[in-house]
C-alpha atoms as a PDB file:
ATOM      1  CA  MET A   1     132.687  56.675 103.395  1.00  0.00           C
ATOM      2  CA  LYS A   2     134.536  56.393 100.092  1.00  0.00           C
ATOM      3  CA  THR A   3     132.417  56.402  96.948  1.00  0.00           C
ATOM      4  CA  GLU A   4     133.348  54.824  93.650  1.00  0.00           C
ATOM      5  CA  PRO A   5     133.653  57.184  90.665  1.00  0.00           C
ATOM      6  CA  LEU A   6     130.812  57.037  88.184  1.00  0.00           C
ATOM      7  CA  PRO A   7     131.565  55.246  84.899  1.00  0.00           C
ATOM      8  CA  GLN A   8     132.291  57.592  82.023  1.00  0.00           C
ATOM      9  CA  LEU A   9     130.666  57.336  78.636  1.00  0.00           C
ATOM     10  CA  GLU A  10     133.011  56.348  75.851  1.00  0.00           C
ATOM     11  CA  PHE A  11     131.892  56.815  72.283  1.00  0.00           C
ATOM     12  CA  SER A  12     133.179  57.835  68.925  1.00  0.00           C
ATOM     13  CA  LEU A  13     132.172  61.199  67.524  1.00  0.00           C
ATOM     14  CA  GLU A  14     132.143  59.657  64.049  1.00  0.00           C
ATOM     15  CA  ALA A  15     129.222  57.230  64.126  1.00  0.00           C
ATOM     16  CA  ASP A  16     129.127  55.105  60.975  1.00  0.00           C
ATOM     17  CA  LEU A  17     125.873  54.778  59.113  1.00  0.00           C
ATOM     18  CA  PRO A  18     124.702  51.239  58.387  1.00  0.00           C
ATOM     19  CA  ASP A  19     125.469  49.634  55.045  1.00  0.00           C
ATOM     20  CA  ALA A  20     122.545  48.664  52.823  1.00  0.00           C
ATOM     21  CA  GLY A  21     122.602  45.084  54.142  1.00  0.00           C
ATOM     22  CA  HIS A  22     122.962  45.971  57.834  1.00  0.00           C
ATOM     23  CA  HIS A  23     120.315  47.253  60.222  1.00  0.00           C
ATOM     24  CA  GLU A  24     122.522  48.525  63.063  1.00  0.00           C
ATOM     25  CA  PRO A  25     125.292  51.130  62.917  1.00  0.00           C
ATOM     26  CA  LYS A  26     128.841  49.754  63.197  1.00  0.00           C
ATOM     27  CA  SER A  27     129.856  52.303  65.837  1.00  0.00           C
ATOM     28  CA  ASN A  28     128.486  52.407  69.353  1.00  0.00           C
ATOM     29  CA  GLY A  29     128.406  56.241  69.286  1.00  0.00           C
ATOM     30  CA  LEU A  30     125.397  57.882  70.864  1.00  0.00           C
ATOM     31  CA  LEU A  31     122.813  59.870  68.930  1.00  0.00           C
ATOM     32  CA  VAL A  32     121.762  61.730  72.072  1.00  0.00           C
ATOM     33  CA  ASN A  33     123.677  64.364  73.995  1.00  0.00           C
ATOM     34  CA  PRO A  34     124.319  62.689  77.385  1.00  0.00           C
ATOM     35  CA  ALA A  35     124.532  65.984  79.294  1.00  0.00           C
ATOM     36  CA  LYS A  36     121.188  67.199  77.900  1.00  0.00           C
ATOM     37  CA  VAL A  37     119.508  63.847  78.558  1.00  0.00           C
ATOM     38  CA  ARG A  38     120.796  63.833  82.147  1.00  0.00           C
ATOM     39  CA  GLN A  39     119.591  67.361  82.835  1.00  0.00           C
ATOM     40  CA  TYR A  40     116.195  66.765  81.205  1.00  0.00           C
ATOM     41  CA  ALA A  41     115.693  63.508  83.110  1.00  0.00           C
ATOM     42  CA  LEU A  42     116.629  65.079  86.454  1.00  0.00           C
ATOM     43  CA  ASP A  43     114.389  68.109  85.838  1.00  0.00           C
ATOM     44  CA  LEU A  44     111.476  65.907  84.817  1.00  0.00           C
ATOM     45  CA  ALA A  45     112.002  63.572  87.763  1.00  0.00           C
ATOM     46  CA  GLU A  46     111.966  66.555  90.124  1.00  0.00           C
ATOM     47  CA  ARG A  47     108.530  67.585  88.803  1.00  0.00           C
ATOM     48  CA  GLU A  48     107.005  64.101  88.468  1.00  0.00           C
ATOM     49  CA  ARG A  49     108.382  62.086  91.386  1.00  0.00           C
ATOM     50  CA  HIS A  50     108.449  62.527  95.148  1.00  0.00           C
ATOM     51  CA  HIS A  51     111.977  61.150  95.356  1.00  0.00           C
ATOM     52  CA  ASP A  52     115.043  63.364  94.981  1.00  0.00           C
ATOM     53  CA  PHE A  53     117.182  61.915  92.170  1.00  0.00           C
ATOM     54  CA  THR A  54     120.687  63.345  91.932  1.00  0.00           C
ATOM     55  CA  ALA A  55     122.336  61.323  89.144  1.00  0.00           C
ATOM     56  CA  VAL A  56     121.616  59.496  85.904  1.00  0.00           C
ATOM     57  CA  SER A  57     123.439  56.251  85.108  1.00  0.00           C
ATOM     58  CA  VAL A  58     125.268  55.416  81.908  1.00  0.00           C
ATOM     59  CA  GLU A  59     122.802  52.560  81.418  1.00  0.00           C
ATOM     60  CA  PHE A  60     119.882  55.035  81.511  1.00  0.00           C
ATOM     61  CA  ILE A  61     121.531  57.141  78.773  1.00  0.00           C
ATOM     62  CA  GLN A  62     122.186  54.010  76.702  1.00  0.00           C
ATOM     63  CA  ARG A  63     118.546  52.872  77.052  1.00  0.00           C
ATOM     64  CA  VAL A  64     117.285  56.284  75.927  1.00  0.00           C
ATOM     65  CA  ASP A  65     119.656  56.194  72.953  1.00  0.00           C
ATOM     66  CA  ALA A  66     118.544  52.650  72.032  1.00  0.00           C
ATOM     67  CA  ARG A  67     114.879  53.680  72.172  1.00  0.00           C
ATOM     68  CA  LEU A  68     115.583  56.682  69.942  1.00  0.00           C
ATOM     69  CA  ARG A  69     117.336  54.438  67.398  1.00  0.00           C
ATOM     70  CA  THR A  70     114.335  52.081  67.431  1.00  0.00           C
ATOM     71  CA  ILE A  71     111.925  54.985  66.887  1.00  0.00           C
ATOM     72  CA  ILE A  72     113.962  56.311  63.954  1.00  0.00           C
ATOM     73  CA  LEU A  73     114.219  52.866  62.342  1.00  0.00           C
ATOM     74  CA  ASP A  74     110.471  52.330  62.775  1.00  0.00           C
ATOM     75  CA  GLU A  75     109.721  55.724  61.195  1.00  0.00           C
ATOM     76  CA  ILE A  76     111.967  54.941  58.216  1.00  0.00           C
ATOM     77  CA  ARG A  77     110.370  51.533  57.687  1.00  0.00           C
ATOM     78  CA  ARG A  78     106.859  53.020  57.810  1.00  0.00           C
ATOM     79  CA  HIS A  79     107.640  55.896  55.470  1.00  0.00           C
ATOM     80  CA  PRO A  80     106.273  55.592  51.943  1.00  0.00           C
ATOM     81  CA  SER A  81     108.836  54.959  49.193  1.00  0.00           C
ATOM     82  CA  LYS A  82     108.226  58.195  47.324  1.00  0.00           C
ATOM     83  CA  GLY A  83     109.893  61.564  47.398  1.00  0.00           C
ATOM     84  CA  LYS A  84     113.305  62.382  48.807  1.00  0.00           C
ATOM     85  CA  ARG A  85     112.428  63.759  52.225  1.00  0.00           C
ATOM     86  CA  LEU A  86     111.625  61.887  55.404  1.00  0.00           C
ATOM     87  CA  ALA A  87     108.627  63.719  56.778  1.00  0.00           C
END
């Protein structure tokens, strides 16, 4: 049985920050480390699920990255407009 190769992640290492008028970064670079996310997800799945997962899809990594971006944006919008540090 011949298996298809898994799709590879393609992203720029130089992710652009959004301009003042934009809400989304121009680049589609990831904020997360795909290898670390894969390993963490597989380790967690091994402890939490009764099914043996052996791979993590590109779509899974992209969903995790999108959720992280949403969390960061939400934190920035909720932060008071005083001081210079996001805390």
